[in-house]
Amino acid sequence: MKKIAIFASGSGTNAENIIATYKINKNIEVVAIFSNNKNAYVIQRAINHNIKHYIFSRTDFYNSSNIIDLLKENEIDFIVLAGFLWLIPENIIDLFPNKIINIHPALLPKYGGKGMYGMHVHQAVVDNKEKETGITIHYVNKEYDKGDIIFQARCKVVREDTADDIAKKVHELEYTHFPEIIEKVVLKS
């Protein structure tokens, strides 16, 4: 059984989708949720599913071994970022080489980097009159959204689409593909 930790900063809809998928899977288990936001609804989702959760500060994350200690204590094999907004520190990347993946709500390399998340991305897609957008699942490295791409899925953007319309299309792609790609990557690692 591979044990995964999910890092999230917000509401946790992707986290919940992943948790639900792996409740019935005998090969992968979500054993912990980590969040840098004490008000993130993902914490309530963890509680609802009886999953351990940890809330941490910037100091915990960047200037201590607290997070690494918790990852080791929980025997984590793989980390999944699902709406986590901080850059992963080098010591965690080094401990989990090619075992940290992220989902980004655009077709990287477009609309990636610091500050490009959620509705900021979707509004940029509208503003630039893109004809398509989608999701990118990629390995995490020392730069925002620069790790090797594992998978992309696309959807059409029509002239009438608002950022909210695009968000709905992208969320559907996330819910459909993220758990499946996680399983492929985790089980081959």
N, C-alpha and C. Protein backbone atom coordinates (compact mmCIF):
# COMPACT_ATOMS: atom_id res chain seq x y z
N MET A 1 0.83 -1.18 0.00
CA MET A 1 0.00 0.00 0.00
C MET A 1 0.88 1.24 0.00
N LYS A 2 0.68 2.12 -0.98
CA LYS A 2 1.40 3.39 -1.05
C LYS A 2 0.61 4.44 -0.27
N LYS A 3 1.33 5.20 0.54
CA LYS A 3 0.68 6.22 1.36
C LYS A 3 0.99 7.59 0.78
N ILE A 4 -0.08 8.37 0.56
CA ILE A 4 0.12 9.70 0.02
C ILE A 4 -0.36 10.76 1.01
N ALA A 5 0.29 11.92 0.92
CA ALA A 5 -0.12 13.12 1.64
C ALA A 5 -0.55 14.13 0.60
N ILE A 6 -1.63 14.83 0.90
CA ILE A 6 -2.11 15.89 0.03
C ILE A 6 -1.82 17.22 0.71
N PHE A 7 -1.21 18.13 -0.04
CA PHE A 7 -0.98 19.50 0.43
C PHE A 7 -1.99 20.40 -0.30
N ALA A 8 -2.73 21.19 0.46
CA ALA A 8 -3.75 22.06 -0.13
C ALA A 8 -3.85 23.35 0.67
N SER A 9 -4.24 24.42 0.00
CA SER A 9 -4.36 25.73 0.66
C SER A 9 -5.79 26.25 0.71
N GLY A 10 -6.71 25.59 0.02
CA GLY A 10 -8.05 26.16 -0.12
C GLY A 10 -9.18 25.22 0.25
N SER A 11 -10.20 25.22 -0.60
CA SER A 11 -11.42 24.49 -0.28
C SER A 11 -11.26 22.97 -0.33
N GLY A 12 -10.36 22.50 -1.16
CA GLY A 12 -10.07 21.07 -1.17
C GLY A 12 -10.99 20.20 -2.00
N THR A 13 -11.59 20.75 -3.05
CA THR A 13 -12.47 19.91 -3.88
C THR A 13 -11.68 18.81 -4.57
N ASN A 14 -10.49 19.14 -5.08
CA ASN A 14 -9.66 18.10 -5.69
C ASN A 14 -9.20 17.09 -4.63
N ALA A 15 -8.84 17.58 -3.46
CA ALA A 15 -8.42 16.68 -2.38
C ALA A 15 -9.54 15.70 -2.06
N GLU A 16 -10.76 16.21 -1.94
CA GLU A 16 -11.88 15.32 -1.61
C GLU A 16 -12.12 14.29 -2.71
N ASN A 17 -12.00 14.71 -3.96
CA ASN A 17 -12.15 13.78 -5.07
C ASN A 17 -11.09 12.67 -5.01
N ILE A 18 -9.88 13.05 -4.68
CA ILE A 18 -8.79 12.06 -4.55
C ILE A 18 -9.06 11.13 -3.38
N ILE A 19 -9.46 11.69 -2.24
CA ILE A 19 -9.78 10.87 -1.06
C ILE A 19 -10.87 9.86 -1.39
N ALA A 20 -11.94 10.32 -2.03
CA ALA A 20 -13.06 9.42 -2.38
C ALA A 20 -12.61 8.31 -3.32
N THR A 21 -11.77 8.66 -4.28
CA THR A 21 -11.27 7.66 -5.23
C THR A 21 -10.48 6.57 -4.52
N TYR A 22 -9.63 6.96 -3.59
CA TYR A 22 -8.73 5.98 -2.97
C TYR A 22 -9.31 5.31 -1.73
N LYS A 23 -10.52 5.70 -1.31
CA LYS A 23 -11.17 4.96 -0.21
C LYS A 23 -11.50 3.54 -0.65
N ILE A 24 -11.70 3.36 -1.95
CA ILE A 24 -12.05 2.03 -2.46
C ILE A 24 -10.88 1.36 -3.18
N ASN A 25 -9.73 1.97 -3.14
CA ASN A 25 -8.55 1.46 -3.83
C ASN A 25 -7.65 0.78 -2.80
N LYS A 26 -7.20 -0.39 -3.10
CA LYS A 26 -6.37 -1.15 -2.16
C LYS A 26 -4.88 -0.89 -2.33
N ASN A 27 -4.51 -0.10 -3.33
CA ASN A 27 -3.09 0.14 -3.61
C ASN A 27 -2.58 1.47 -3.07
N ILE A 28 -3.50 2.43 -2.87
CA ILE A 28 -3.11 3.78 -2.46
C ILE A 28 -4.04 4.24 -1.35
N GLU A 29 -3.46 4.93 -0.38
CA GLU A 29 -4.27 5.47 0.71
C GLU A 29 -3.83 6.90 0.99
N VAL A 30 -4.80 7.80 1.12
CA VAL A 30 -4.52 9.17 1.56
C VAL A 30 -4.47 9.11 3.08
N VAL A 31 -3.30 9.38 3.64
CA VAL A 31 -3.17 9.26 5.10
C VAL A 31 -3.06 10.60 5.82
N ALA A 32 -2.81 11.69 5.08
CA ALA A 32 -2.69 12.98 5.74
C ALA A 32 -2.96 14.12 4.77
N ILE A 33 -3.53 15.17 5.34
CA ILE A 33 -3.72 16.43 4.63
C ILE A 33 -2.86 17.47 5.34
N PHE A 34 -2.09 18.22 4.57
CA PHE A 34 -1.26 19.29 5.10
C PHE A 34 -1.77 20.61 4.51
N SER A 35 -1.92 21.62 5.35
CA SER A 35 -2.36 22.91 4.85
C SER A 35 -1.61 24.05 5.54
N ASN A 36 -1.34 25.07 4.77
CA ASN A 36 -0.72 26.29 5.27
C ASN A 36 -1.77 27.34 5.62
N ASN A 37 -3.04 26.95 5.59
CA ASN A 37 -4.13 27.88 5.81
C ASN A 37 -5.09 27.30 6.85
N LYS A 38 -5.08 27.84 8.05
CA LYS A 38 -5.92 27.29 9.14
C LYS A 38 -7.41 27.42 8.84
N ASN A 39 -7.78 28.31 7.92
CA ASN A 39 -9.19 28.50 7.56
C ASN A 39 -9.60 27.75 6.29
N ALA A 40 -8.69 26.97 5.73
CA ALA A 40 -8.99 26.24 4.50
C ALA A 40 -10.04 25.16 4.76
N TYR A 41 -11.03 25.07 3.89
CA TYR A 41 -12.08 24.08 4.06
C TYR A 41 -11.56 22.65 3.87
N VAL A 42 -10.39 22.52 3.26
CA VAL A 42 -9.80 21.19 3.11
C VAL A 42 -9.61 20.52 4.48
N ILE A 43 -9.40 21.30 5.53
CA ILE A 43 -9.26 20.74 6.88
C ILE A 43 -10.55 20.05 7.30
N GLN A 44 -11.68 20.70 7.04
CA GLN A 44 -12.97 20.08 7.37
C GLN A 44 -13.18 18.81 6.54
N ARG A 45 -12.76 18.83 5.31
CA ARG A 45 -12.88 17.62 4.47
C ARG A 45 -12.05 16.48 5.06
N ALA A 46 -10.86 16.79 5.55
CA ALA A 46 -10.04 15.76 6.20
C ALA A 46 -10.76 15.20 7.42
N ILE A 47 -11.31 16.08 8.24
CA ILE A 47 -12.05 15.65 9.44
C ILE A 47 -13.23 14.76 9.04
N ASN A 48 -13.97 15.18 8.01
CA ASN A 48 -15.13 14.41 7.55
C ASN A 48 -14.76 13.00 7.13
N HIS A 49 -13.53 12.83 6.65
CA HIS A 49 -13.08 11.52 6.16
C HIS A 49 -12.15 10.81 7.16
N ASN A 50 -12.06 11.35 8.36
CA ASN A 50 -11.19 10.76 9.40
C ASN A 50 -9.75 10.61 8.94
N ILE A 51 -9.25 11.66 8.30
CA ILE A 51 -7.87 11.67 7.83
C ILE A 51 -7.10 12.67 8.68
N LYS A 52 -5.90 12.29 9.07
CA LYS A 52 -5.06 13.21 9.85
C LYS A 52 -4.86 14.50 9.07
N HIS A 53 -4.79 15.59 9.79
CA HIS A 53 -4.53 16.87 9.13
C HIS A 53 -3.55 17.68 9.97
N TYR A 54 -2.76 18.43 9.25
CA TYR A 54 -1.73 19.25 9.88
C TYR A 54 -1.79 20.65 9.29
N ILE A 55 -1.78 21.65 10.16
CA ILE A 55 -1.73 23.03 9.74
C ILE A 55 -0.37 23.56 10.13
N PHE A 56 0.29 24.23 9.21
CA PHE A 56 1.65 24.66 9.49
C PHE A 56 1.88 26.10 9.06
N SER A 57 2.88 26.70 9.66
CA SER A 57 3.25 28.08 9.37
C SER A 57 4.38 28.12 8.34
N ARG A 58 4.65 29.30 7.87
CA ARG A 58 5.77 29.51 6.93
C ARG A 58 7.08 29.08 7.59
N THR A 59 7.24 29.39 8.87
CA THR A 59 8.46 28.99 9.59
C THR A 59 8.58 27.48 9.66
N ASP A 60 7.47 26.79 10.00
CA ASP A 60 7.48 25.32 10.02
C ASP A 60 7.94 24.77 8.67
N PHE A 61 7.44 25.36 7.62
CA PHE A 61 7.66 24.83 6.28
C PHE A 61 9.07 25.10 5.76
N TYR A 62 9.54 26.31 5.96
CA TYR A 62 10.80 26.70 5.34
C TYR A 62 12.01 26.69 6.28
N ASN A 63 11.78 26.79 7.59
CA ASN A 63 12.92 26.96 8.50
C ASN A 63 13.00 25.91 9.60
N SER A 64 12.36 24.79 9.40
CA SER A 64 12.44 23.72 10.41
C SER A 64 12.31 22.37 9.71
N SER A 65 12.48 21.33 10.48
CA SER A 65 12.29 19.97 9.95
C SER A 65 10.92 19.42 10.32
N ASN A 66 10.03 20.27 10.83
CA ASN A 66 8.72 19.81 11.32
C ASN A 66 7.93 19.05 10.26
N ILE A 67 7.86 19.58 9.06
CA ILE A 67 7.06 18.93 8.02
C ILE A 67 7.70 17.61 7.60
N ILE A 68 9.01 17.62 7.42
CA ILE A 68 9.71 16.38 7.08
C ILE A 68 9.51 15.34 8.17
N ASP A 69 9.58 15.75 9.41
CA ASP A 69 9.36 14.81 10.52
C ASP A 69 7.97 14.20 10.45
N LEU A 70 6.95 15.01 10.14
CA LEU A 70 5.58 14.49 10.03
C LEU A 70 5.42 13.57 8.83
N LEU A 71 6.06 13.91 7.72
CA LEU A 71 6.00 13.05 6.54
C LEU A 71 6.63 11.68 6.84
N LYS A 72 7.75 11.69 7.54
CA LYS A 72 8.41 10.43 7.91
C LYS A 72 7.57 9.66 8.93
N GLU A 73 7.05 10.36 9.91
CA GLU A 73 6.23 9.72 10.95
C GLU A 73 5.02 9.01 10.34
N ASN A 74 4.45 9.61 9.29
CA ASN A 74 3.29 9.02 8.61
C ASN A 74 3.67 8.06 7.48
N GLU A 75 4.98 7.83 7.32
CA GLU A 75 5.50 6.90 6.31
C GLU A 75 4.98 7.22 4.91
N ILE A 76 5.02 8.51 4.57
CA ILE A 76 4.51 8.98 3.29
C ILE A 76 5.45 8.54 2.16
N ASP A 77 4.83 7.99 1.11
CA ASP A 77 5.57 7.57 -0.08
C ASP A 77 5.54 8.62 -1.19
N PHE A 78 4.49 9.44 -1.19
CA PHE A 78 4.25 10.33 -2.31
C PHE A 78 3.47 11.55 -1.83
N ILE A 79 3.75 12.72 -2.42
CA ILE A 79 3.04 13.95 -2.08
C ILE A 79 2.29 14.44 -3.31
N VAL A 80 1.03 14.83 -3.09
CA VAL A 80 0.19 15.39 -4.15
C VAL A 80 -0.18 16.81 -3.74
N LEU A 81 0.09 17.75 -4.63
CA LEU A 81 -0.32 19.14 -4.40
C LEU A 81 -1.66 19.35 -5.11
N ALA A 82 -2.64 19.79 -4.36
CA ALA A 82 -3.98 20.01 -4.91
C ALA A 82 -4.44 21.40 -4.48
N GLY A 83 -3.99 22.40 -5.22
CA GLY A 83 -4.32 23.76 -4.85
C GLY A 83 -3.45 24.27 -3.71
N PHE A 84 -2.21 23.86 -3.71
CA PHE A 84 -1.25 24.32 -2.70
C PHE A 84 -0.43 25.44 -3.31
N LEU A 85 -0.35 26.59 -2.63
CA LEU A 85 0.17 27.80 -3.27
C LEU A 85 1.61 28.16 -2.93
N TRP A 86 2.25 27.45 -2.03
CA TRP A 86 3.64 27.79 -1.69
C TRP A 86 4.61 26.93 -2.48
N LEU A 87 5.76 27.50 -2.75
CA LEU A 87 6.84 26.76 -3.40
C LEU A 87 7.38 25.71 -2.43
N ILE A 88 7.55 24.49 -2.91
CA ILE A 88 8.03 23.41 -2.05
C ILE A 88 9.52 23.61 -1.79
N PRO A 89 9.93 23.56 -0.50
CA PRO A 89 11.35 23.76 -0.19
C PRO A 89 12.23 22.62 -0.71
N GLU A 90 13.46 22.97 -0.96
CA GLU A 90 14.43 22.03 -1.54
C GLU A 90 14.60 20.77 -0.69
N ASN A 91 14.58 20.89 0.64
CA ASN A 91 14.80 19.71 1.47
C ASN A 91 13.69 18.68 1.29
N ILE A 92 12.47 19.12 1.05
CA ILE A 92 11.36 18.17 0.81
C ILE A 92 11.49 17.58 -0.59
N ILE A 93 11.83 18.42 -1.57
CA ILE A 93 12.03 17.91 -2.94
C ILE A 93 13.13 16.85 -2.95
N ASP A 94 14.21 17.11 -2.22
CA ASP A 94 15.32 16.16 -2.18
C ASP A 94 14.91 14.84 -1.52
N LEU A 95 14.04 14.91 -0.53
CA LEU A 95 13.58 13.71 0.17
C LEU A 95 12.60 12.90 -0.68
N PHE A 96 11.90 13.58 -1.59
CA PHE A 96 10.89 12.93 -2.44
C PHE A 96 11.18 13.20 -3.91
N PRO A 97 12.32 12.73 -4.43
CA PRO A 97 12.65 13.01 -5.84
C PRO A 97 11.65 12.33 -6.78
N ASN A 98 11.05 13.11 -7.66
CA ASN A 98 10.02 12.61 -8.59
C ASN A 98 8.89 11.90 -7.87
N LYS A 99 8.61 12.35 -6.66
CA LYS A 99 7.50 11.78 -5.89
C LYS A 99 6.61 12.88 -5.32
N ILE A 100 6.65 14.03 -5.99
CA ILE A 100 5.74 15.13 -5.67
C ILE A 100 5.15 15.59 -7.00
N ILE A 101 3.81 15.57 -7.08
CA ILE A 101 3.17 16.05 -8.31
C ILE A 101 2.16 17.13 -7.98
N ASN A 102 1.93 17.96 -8.97
CA ASN A 102 1.02 19.09 -8.85
C ASN A 102 0.07 19.10 -10.03
N ILE A 103 -1.10 19.69 -9.81
CA ILE A 103 -2.01 19.94 -10.93
C ILE A 103 -2.12 21.44 -11.10
N HIS A 104 -2.05 21.88 -12.35
CA HIS A 104 -2.13 23.31 -12.67
C HIS A 104 -3.30 23.52 -13.63
N PRO A 105 -4.11 24.58 -13.41
CA PRO A 105 -5.32 24.78 -14.22
C PRO A 105 -5.08 25.50 -15.55
N ALA A 106 -4.05 25.11 -16.26
CA ALA A 106 -3.76 25.66 -17.59
C ALA A 106 -2.82 24.70 -18.31
N LEU A 107 -2.61 24.96 -19.57
CA LEU A 107 -1.71 24.14 -20.37
C LEU A 107 -0.32 24.76 -20.28
N LEU A 108 0.45 24.29 -19.31
CA LEU A 108 1.81 24.79 -19.15
C LEU A 108 2.60 24.52 -20.43
N PRO A 109 3.51 25.40 -20.81
CA PRO A 109 4.10 26.45 -20.00
C PRO A 109 3.29 27.75 -19.94
N LYS A 110 2.17 27.83 -20.66
CA LYS A 110 1.36 29.05 -20.59
C LYS A 110 0.73 29.19 -19.21
N TYR A 111 0.65 30.41 -18.74
CA TYR A 111 -0.08 30.77 -17.52
C TYR A 111 0.40 30.03 -16.28
N GLY A 112 1.70 29.85 -16.18
CA GLY A 112 2.29 29.25 -15.00
C GLY A 112 3.11 30.27 -14.23
N GLY A 113 3.60 29.85 -13.09
CA GLY A 113 4.48 30.70 -12.29
C GLY A 113 3.79 31.28 -11.07
N LYS A 114 4.56 31.98 -10.28
CA LYS A 114 4.06 32.57 -9.04
C LYS A 114 2.88 33.50 -9.33
N GLY A 115 1.84 33.35 -8.57
CA GLY A 115 0.66 34.20 -8.71
C GLY A 115 -0.34 33.70 -9.75
N MET A 116 0.02 32.70 -10.51
CA MET A 116 -0.88 32.16 -11.52
C MET A 116 -1.56 30.90 -10.97
N TYR A 117 -2.72 31.11 -10.38
CA TYR A 117 -3.50 30.01 -9.82
C TYR A 117 -4.98 30.38 -9.93
N GLY A 118 -5.82 29.36 -9.92
CA GLY A 118 -7.26 29.56 -9.88
C GLY A 118 -7.79 30.56 -10.88
N MET A 119 -8.63 31.47 -10.38
CA MET A 119 -9.30 32.42 -11.26
C MET A 119 -8.33 33.38 -11.96
N HIS A 120 -7.15 33.60 -11.39
CA HIS A 120 -6.15 34.43 -12.07
C HIS A 120 -5.79 33.81 -13.43
N VAL A 121 -5.65 32.50 -13.43
CA VAL A 121 -5.33 31.78 -14.67
C VAL A 121 -6.50 31.88 -15.65
N HIS A 122 -7.70 31.59 -15.17
CA HIS A 122 -8.86 31.57 -16.07
C HIS A 122 -9.14 32.95 -16.66
N GLN A 123 -8.95 33.99 -15.86
CA GLN A 123 -9.15 35.35 -16.38
C GLN A 123 -8.09 35.68 -17.43
N ALA A 124 -6.87 35.23 -17.22
CA ALA A 124 -5.81 35.46 -18.21
C ALA A 124 -6.14 34.75 -19.52
N VAL A 125 -6.71 33.56 -19.45
CA VAL A 125 -7.12 32.82 -20.64
C VAL A 125 -8.18 33.62 -21.41
N VAL A 126 -9.16 34.16 -20.68
CA VAL A 126 -10.20 34.99 -21.31
C VAL A 126 -9.59 36.24 -21.92
N ASP A 127 -8.77 36.94 -21.14
CA ASP A 127 -8.18 38.20 -21.59
C ASP A 127 -7.34 38.03 -22.85
N ASN A 128 -6.70 36.88 -22.97
CA ASN A 128 -5.84 36.63 -24.13
C ASN A 128 -6.55 35.92 -25.28
N LYS A 129 -7.86 35.75 -25.12
CA LYS A 129 -8.71 35.18 -26.18
C LYS A 129 -8.19 33.82 -26.67
N GLU A 130 -7.78 33.00 -25.71
CA GLU A 130 -7.31 31.65 -26.05
C GLU A 130 -8.46 30.83 -26.62
N LYS A 131 -8.12 29.91 -27.48
CA LYS A 131 -9.13 29.02 -28.09
C LYS A 131 -9.25 27.70 -27.33
N GLU A 132 -8.25 27.42 -26.48
CA GLU A 132 -8.31 26.23 -25.65
C GLU A 132 -7.53 26.47 -24.37
N THR A 133 -7.85 25.67 -23.39
CA THR A 133 -7.12 25.66 -22.13
C THR A 133 -7.18 24.23 -21.62
N GLY A 134 -6.86 24.04 -20.35
CA GLY A 134 -6.92 22.68 -19.84
C GLY A 134 -6.19 22.56 -18.52
N ILE A 135 -5.67 21.37 -18.30
CA ILE A 135 -4.92 21.08 -17.07
C ILE A 135 -3.56 20.51 -17.43
N THR A 136 -2.63 20.71 -16.52
CA THR A 136 -1.32 20.08 -16.63
C THR A 136 -1.01 19.44 -15.29
N ILE A 137 -0.65 18.17 -15.33
CA ILE A 137 -0.16 17.47 -14.14
C ILE A 137 1.34 17.30 -14.36
N HIS A 138 2.11 17.74 -13.36
CA HIS A 138 3.56 17.75 -13.55
C HIS A 138 4.29 17.43 -12.25
N TYR A 139 5.53 16.99 -12.40
CA TYR A 139 6.39 16.80 -11.23
C TYR A 139 6.77 18.17 -10.68
N VAL A 140 7.02 18.21 -9.40
CA VAL A 140 7.39 19.46 -8.74
C VAL A 140 8.91 19.53 -8.65
N ASN A 141 9.44 20.70 -9.02
CA ASN A 141 10.86 20.95 -8.83
C ASN A 141 11.02 22.26 -8.06
N LYS A 142 12.16 22.88 -8.15
CA LYS A 142 12.46 24.04 -7.32
C LYS A 142 11.88 25.36 -7.83
N GLU A 143 11.14 25.31 -8.94
CA GLU A 143 10.52 26.51 -9.50
C GLU A 143 9.03 26.26 -9.68
N TYR A 144 8.23 27.32 -9.55
CA TYR A 144 6.80 27.19 -9.78
C TYR A 144 6.50 26.69 -11.19
N ASP A 145 5.77 25.59 -11.29
CA ASP A 145 5.21 25.09 -12.54
C ASP A 145 6.23 24.79 -13.63
N LYS A 146 7.45 24.44 -13.24
CA LYS A 146 8.51 24.18 -14.22
C LYS A 146 8.91 22.70 -14.28
N GLY A 147 8.34 21.85 -13.43
CA GLY A 147 8.72 20.45 -13.43
C GLY A 147 8.25 19.73 -14.69
N ASP A 148 8.82 18.58 -14.94
CA ASP A 148 8.48 17.80 -16.14
C ASP A 148 6.99 17.50 -16.18
N ILE A 149 6.42 17.67 -17.36
CA ILE A 149 4.99 17.43 -17.56
C ILE A 149 4.73 15.94 -17.65
N ILE A 150 3.73 15.49 -16.91
CA ILE A 150 3.32 14.09 -16.91
C ILE A 150 2.13 13.90 -17.85
N PHE A 151 1.19 14.85 -17.80
CA PHE A 151 -0.09 14.68 -18.52
C PHE A 151 -0.74 16.05 -18.73
N GLN A 152 -1.39 16.20 -19.89
CA GLN A 152 -2.23 17.36 -20.14
C GLN A 152 -3.55 16.92 -20.74
N ALA A 153 -4.61 17.63 -20.38
CA ALA A 153 -5.92 17.43 -21.00
C ALA A 153 -6.43 18.80 -21.40
N ARG A 154 -7.15 18.85 -22.52
CA ARG A 154 -7.55 20.13 -23.10
C ARG A 154 -9.07 20.26 -23.17
N CYS A 155 -9.51 21.52 -23.17
CA CYS A 155 -10.91 21.81 -23.43
C CYS A 155 -10.99 23.08 -24.27
N LYS A 156 -12.05 23.20 -25.02
CA LYS A 156 -12.25 24.35 -25.90
C LYS A 156 -12.68 25.57 -25.07
N VAL A 157 -12.27 26.73 -25.55
CA VAL A 157 -12.74 28.00 -25.00
C VAL A 157 -13.46 28.71 -26.14
N VAL A 158 -14.71 29.08 -25.88
CA VAL A 158 -15.48 29.83 -26.89
C VAL A 158 -15.53 31.29 -26.49
N ARG A 159 -15.80 32.13 -27.46
CA ARG A 159 -15.76 33.58 -27.26
C ARG A 159 -16.63 34.03 -26.09
N GLU A 160 -17.76 33.37 -25.87
CA GLU A 160 -18.70 33.77 -24.82
C GLU A 160 -18.26 33.32 -23.43
N ASP A 161 -17.26 32.47 -23.33
CA ASP A 161 -16.85 31.93 -22.02
C ASP A 161 -16.32 33.03 -21.10
N THR A 162 -16.80 32.99 -19.86
CA THR A 162 -16.25 33.85 -18.81
C THR A 162 -15.20 33.04 -18.05
N ALA A 163 -14.50 33.69 -17.15
CA ALA A 163 -13.54 32.96 -16.31
C ALA A 163 -14.25 31.89 -15.50
N ASP A 164 -15.48 32.15 -15.05
CA ASP A 164 -16.25 31.14 -14.31
C ASP A 164 -16.59 29.93 -15.19
N ASP A 165 -16.95 30.20 -16.44
CA ASP A 165 -17.25 29.09 -17.38
C ASP A 165 -16.01 28.22 -17.57
N ILE A 166 -14.88 28.87 -17.73
CA ILE A 166 -13.64 28.13 -17.93
C ILE A 166 -13.28 27.34 -16.68
N ALA A 167 -13.48 27.94 -15.52
CA ALA A 167 -13.20 27.23 -14.26
C ALA A 167 -14.00 25.94 -14.19
N LYS A 168 -15.26 25.97 -14.57
CA LYS A 168 -16.11 24.76 -14.54
C LYS A 168 -15.55 23.68 -15.49
N LYS A 169 -15.17 24.10 -16.68
CA LYS A 169 -14.61 23.13 -17.65
C LYS A 169 -13.31 22.52 -17.12
N VAL A 170 -12.47 23.36 -16.57
CA VAL A 170 -11.17 22.90 -16.06
C VAL A 170 -11.37 21.98 -14.84
N HIS A 171 -12.30 22.33 -13.96
CA HIS A 171 -12.57 21.47 -12.80
C HIS A 171 -13.02 20.08 -13.25
N GLU A 172 -13.84 20.02 -14.28
CA GLU A 172 -14.27 18.71 -14.79
C GLU A 172 -13.08 17.88 -15.25
N LEU A 173 -12.15 18.52 -15.93
CA LEU A 173 -10.93 17.82 -16.36
C LEU A 173 -10.13 17.35 -15.14
N GLU A 174 -10.02 18.21 -14.14
CA GLU A 174 -9.27 17.85 -12.92
C GLU A 174 -9.89 16.63 -12.25
N TYR A 175 -11.21 16.66 -12.05
CA TYR A 175 -11.89 15.58 -11.35
C TYR A 175 -11.80 14.27 -12.12
N THR A 176 -11.84 14.36 -13.44
CA THR A 176 -11.78 13.16 -14.28
C THR A 176 -10.38 12.56 -14.30
N HIS A 177 -9.36 13.39 -14.47
CA HIS A 177 -8.02 12.87 -14.76
C HIS A 177 -7.05 12.78 -13.59
N PHE A 178 -7.16 13.68 -12.61
CA PHE A 178 -6.13 13.73 -11.57
C PHE A 178 -6.00 12.42 -10.80
N PRO A 179 -7.09 11.84 -10.29
CA PRO A 179 -6.93 10.57 -9.54
C PRO A 179 -6.31 9.46 -10.38
N GLU A 180 -6.71 9.38 -11.63
CA GLU A 180 -6.19 8.34 -12.54
C GLU A 180 -4.69 8.51 -12.77
N ILE A 181 -4.25 9.73 -13.00
CA ILE A 181 -2.83 9.99 -13.25
C ILE A 181 -2.02 9.78 -11.97
N ILE A 182 -2.57 10.20 -10.83
CA ILE A 182 -1.89 9.95 -9.56
C ILE A 182 -1.62 8.46 -9.40
N GLU A 183 -2.63 7.67 -9.65
CA GLU A 183 -2.46 6.21 -9.49
C GLU A 183 -1.36 5.67 -10.40
N LYS A 184 -1.37 6.07 -11.66
CA LYS A 184 -0.34 5.60 -12.59
C LYS A 184 1.06 5.97 -12.11
N VAL A 185 1.22 7.22 -11.69
CA VAL A 185 2.54 7.71 -11.27
C VAL A 185 2.97 7.07 -9.96
N VAL A 186 2.07 7.00 -9.00
CA VAL A 186 2.43 6.45 -7.69
C VAL A 186 2.77 4.97 -7.79
N LEU A 187 2.00 4.22 -8.54
CA LEU A 187 2.23 2.78 -8.60
C LEU A 187 3.47 2.41 -9.41
N LYS A 188 3.91 3.29 -10.30
CA LYS A 188 5.14 2.97 -11.04
C LYS A 188 6.38 3.47 -10.31
N SER A 189 6.19 4.26 -9.25
CA SER A 189 7.35 4.82 -8.53
C SER A 189 7.95 3.82 -7.56
